[in-house]
Amino acid sequence: MLLTTDRLVLRRFRPADAETLAAYRTDPAVARYQSWDSPYSLDRARYAIESMAAADPDQPGWFQYAVEVTATRTHIGDVGVNLHDNRMQAEIGYTVAPRWQGHGYATEAVRAVLEHLFRVKGLHRVSAECDARNVASYRVLERTGFRREGLLRQHTWIKGEWTDDLRYGLLETDFFGLDTVS
């Protein structure tokens, strides 16, 4: 499983990715909006990579792509796809190490995954959800064509507080700019 862009390779996780995965998931700025706690141990990263490497992207459930910068072969983050049982829709999520944020890598990686999901897998819809305080995350979604579909007020109890969640959706016809009949 390999997706490429001008600057990135999206591939299966490898054991050698454990240190970088643990490092960016340990960063408090990254962990703040995620389900995991910081610190994220190297043992936990190794276990996560074993699970990720065993996942089948053609079967329902989560598949994580490791995101690597082509020029330096540096692992900088991940994009996850949760394929629904009907195999016609999915949910995505993504994480990029802080050092690599602000350079368009998340947007580029998400676009590559969306292109694959819609063009190759023939999905109808992709959705995403993020903490409403995570401005950088929802900007990535909006830059890649997602439409904000709702605000779920105090929807998630995480890390000792209730948080608002934003829901986003993207239809295949919207991604390719096709006209639709309502």
Protein backbone atom coordinates (compact mmCIF):
# COMPACT_ATOMS: atom_id res chain seq x y z
CA MET A 1 0.00 0.00 0.00
CA LEU A 2 1.72 3.12 -1.23
CA LEU A 3 0.39 6.56 -2.12
CA THR A 4 2.65 9.31 -3.39
CA THR A 5 2.46 13.06 -3.89
CA ASP A 6 5.05 15.56 -5.05
CA ARG A 7 6.61 15.67 -1.57
CA LEU A 8 5.25 12.69 0.35
CA VAL A 9 4.98 8.93 0.47
CA LEU A 10 2.09 7.40 2.42
CA ARG A 11 2.91 3.81 3.30
CA ARG A 12 2.43 1.06 5.85
CA PHE A 13 4.04 1.60 9.22
CA ARG A 14 7.37 -0.15 9.84
CA PRO A 15 9.07 -1.05 13.14
CA ALA A 16 11.63 1.71 12.50
CA ASP A 17 8.80 4.28 12.83
CA ALA A 18 8.30 3.58 16.55
CA GLU A 19 10.59 6.33 17.83
CA THR A 20 9.09 9.08 15.70
CA LEU A 21 5.54 7.89 16.43
CA ALA A 22 6.24 7.94 20.17
CA ALA A 23 7.89 11.37 19.91
CA TYR A 24 5.09 13.21 18.13
CA ARG A 25 2.34 11.46 20.09
CA THR A 26 4.13 12.44 23.31
CA ASP A 27 4.18 16.12 22.39
CA PRO A 28 1.56 17.80 24.64
CA ALA A 29 0.41 20.07 21.79
CA VAL A 30 -0.38 16.98 19.67
CA ALA A 31 -1.84 14.83 22.45
CA ARG A 32 -4.13 17.66 23.65
CA TYR A 33 -6.80 16.95 21.03
CA GLN A 34 -6.31 13.20 20.75
CA SER A 35 -7.57 10.17 22.62
CA TRP A 36 -4.12 9.16 23.88
CA ASP A 37 -2.26 10.61 26.84
CA SER A 38 1.24 12.03 26.94
CA PRO A 39 3.79 10.61 27.34
CA TYR A 40 3.29 7.97 24.65
CA SER A 41 5.86 5.29 25.42
CA LEU A 42 8.12 3.59 22.93
CA ASP A 43 6.61 0.22 23.93
CA ARG A 44 3.12 1.58 23.23
CA ALA A 45 4.32 2.88 19.86
CA ARG A 46 5.79 -0.51 18.99
CA TYR A 47 2.54 -2.24 19.90
CA ALA A 48 0.52 0.32 17.88
CA ILE A 49 2.76 -0.22 14.86
CA GLU A 50 2.32 -4.00 15.07
CA SER A 51 -1.45 -3.49 15.01
CA MET A 52 -1.28 -0.91 12.23
CA ALA A 53 1.00 -3.08 10.09
CA ALA A 54 -1.41 -6.02 10.41
CA ALA A 55 -4.47 -4.00 9.31
CA ASP A 56 -6.01 -4.58 5.88
CA PRO A 57 -6.97 -1.36 4.07
CA ASP A 58 -9.62 -3.22 2.07
CA GLN A 59 -11.48 -4.45 5.15
CA PRO A 60 -13.75 -2.43 7.44
CA GLY A 61 -11.95 -0.81 10.35
CA TRP A 62 -8.98 1.48 10.82
CA PHE A 63 -5.93 1.55 8.58
CA GLN A 64 -3.11 4.01 9.34
CA TYR A 65 -0.78 5.36 6.69
CA ALA A 66 2.66 6.51 7.83
CA VAL A 67 3.44 9.87 6.21
CA GLU A 68 7.03 10.28 5.05
CA VAL A 69 8.77 13.24 3.39
CA THR A 70 10.17 11.91 0.12
CA ALA A 71 13.30 14.07 -0.03
CA THR A 72 14.56 13.13 3.46
CA ARG A 73 12.72 9.83 4.02
CA THR A 74 11.60 11.28 7.36
CA HIS A 75 8.47 9.90 9.05
CA ILE A 76 6.44 12.98 10.04
CA GLY A 77 2.93 11.77 10.86
CA ASP A 78 0.01 9.57 9.94
CA VAL A 79 -3.38 9.53 8.26
CA GLY A 80 -5.97 7.05 9.47
CA VAL A 81 -8.93 5.73 7.48
CA ASN A 82 -11.82 3.96 9.17
CA LEU A 83 -13.60 2.10 6.37
CA HIS A 84 -17.24 1.46 7.22
CA ASP A 85 -18.85 -1.96 6.94
CA ASN A 86 -20.65 -0.94 3.75
CA ARG A 87 -17.29 -0.07 2.10
CA MET A 88 -18.91 3.02 0.57
CA GLN A 89 -17.93 5.52 3.24
CA ALA A 90 -15.13 6.16 5.67
CA GLU A 91 -13.92 8.47 8.41
CA ILE A 92 -10.44 9.99 8.42
CA GLY A 93 -8.09 11.44 10.99
CA TYR A 94 -4.52 12.71 10.79
CA THR A 95 -1.57 13.79 12.88
CA VAL A 96 1.59 15.63 11.88
CA ALA A 97 4.58 16.20 14.15
CA PRO A 98 4.75 19.86 15.28
CA ARG A 99 8.13 20.42 13.59
CA TRP A 100 6.51 19.63 10.24
CA GLN A 101 3.25 21.54 10.72
CA GLY A 102 2.57 24.71 8.76
CA HIS A 103 4.14 23.48 5.51
CA GLY A 104 1.05 21.99 3.88
CA TYR A 105 2.01 18.36 4.54
CA ALA A 106 -1.25 17.47 6.31
CA THR A 107 -3.31 18.97 3.49
CA GLU A 108 -1.23 17.17 0.87
CA ALA A 109 -1.47 13.84 2.69
CA VAL A 110 -5.22 14.12 3.26
CA ARG A 111 -5.78 15.02 -0.41
CA ALA A 112 -3.80 11.96 -1.50
CA VAL A 113 -5.87 9.69 0.73
CA LEU A 114 -9.14 11.27 -0.46
CA GLU A 115 -8.09 10.86 -4.10
CA HIS A 116 -7.42 7.17 -3.42
CA LEU A 117 -10.65 6.63 -1.51
CA PHE A 118 -12.85 8.26 -4.13
CA ARG A 119 -11.07 7.37 -7.39
CA VAL A 120 -9.68 3.91 -6.62
CA LYS A 121 -11.98 2.53 -3.91
CA GLY A 122 -15.11 4.24 -5.24
CA LEU A 123 -16.30 5.60 -1.91
CA HIS A 124 -19.36 7.84 -1.80
CA ARG A 125 -18.60 9.84 1.36
CA VAL A 126 -15.78 10.58 3.79
CA SER A 127 -16.36 12.21 7.16
CA ALA A 128 -14.16 13.65 9.87
CA GLU A 129 -14.56 14.99 13.38
CA CYS A 130 -12.26 17.24 15.36
CA ASP A 131 -12.13 19.17 18.60
CA ALA A 132 -13.61 22.61 17.89
CA ARG A 133 -10.56 24.26 19.49
CA ASN A 134 -8.20 22.58 17.01
CA VAL A 135 -8.16 25.35 14.39
CA ALA A 136 -5.28 23.86 12.40
CA SER A 137 -7.14 20.56 12.03
CA TYR A 138 -10.39 22.00 10.80
CA ARG A 139 -8.52 24.28 8.39
CA VAL A 140 -6.96 21.18 6.80
CA LEU A 141 -10.43 19.73 6.37
CA GLU A 142 -11.77 22.92 4.82
CA ARG A 143 -8.77 23.26 2.46
CA THR A 144 -9.35 19.72 1.21
CA GLY A 145 -13.00 20.39 0.38
CA PHE A 146 -14.84 19.14 3.47
CA ARG A 147 -17.99 20.98 4.48
CA ARG A 148 -18.78 21.68 8.10
CA GLU A 149 -21.95 19.76 8.84
CA GLY A 150 -22.38 20.44 12.51
CA LEU A 151 -21.22 21.44 15.93
CA LEU A 152 -21.74 18.85 18.63
CA ARG A 153 -21.80 20.86 21.84
CA GLN A 154 -20.04 19.31 24.83
CA HIS A 155 -20.06 16.03 22.95
CA THR A 156 -16.87 14.39 24.14
CA TRP A 157 -15.62 13.86 27.69
CA ILE A 158 -11.86 13.74 27.32
CA LYS A 159 -8.98 14.49 29.65
CA GLY A 160 -11.27 15.72 32.41
CA GLU A 161 -13.43 18.11 30.41
CA TRP A 162 -16.34 18.27 28.01
CA THR A 163 -15.32 19.40 24.53
CA ASP A 164 -17.25 20.57 21.50
CA ASP A 165 -16.72 18.57 18.31
CA LEU A 166 -17.01 19.73 14.73
CA ARG A 167 -18.40 17.29 12.15
CA TYR A 168 -17.30 17.48 8.54
CA GLY A 169 -18.33 15.59 5.44
CA LEU A 170 -17.17 15.31 1.85
CA LEU A 171 -19.01 13.62 -0.99
CA GLU A 172 -17.23 12.13 -3.97
CA THR A 173 -19.16 14.48 -6.27
CA ASP A 174 -17.97 17.50 -4.27
CA PHE A 175 -14.35 16.32 -4.29
CA PHE A 176 -14.31 16.01 -8.07
CA GLY A 177 -16.45 19.13 -8.57
CA LEU A 178 -19.29 17.24 -10.23
CA ASP A 179 -22.80 18.63 -10.34
CA THR A 180 -25.30 16.83 -8.17
CA VAL A 181 -29.06 16.70 -8.24
CA SER A 182 -30.63 17.24 -4.82
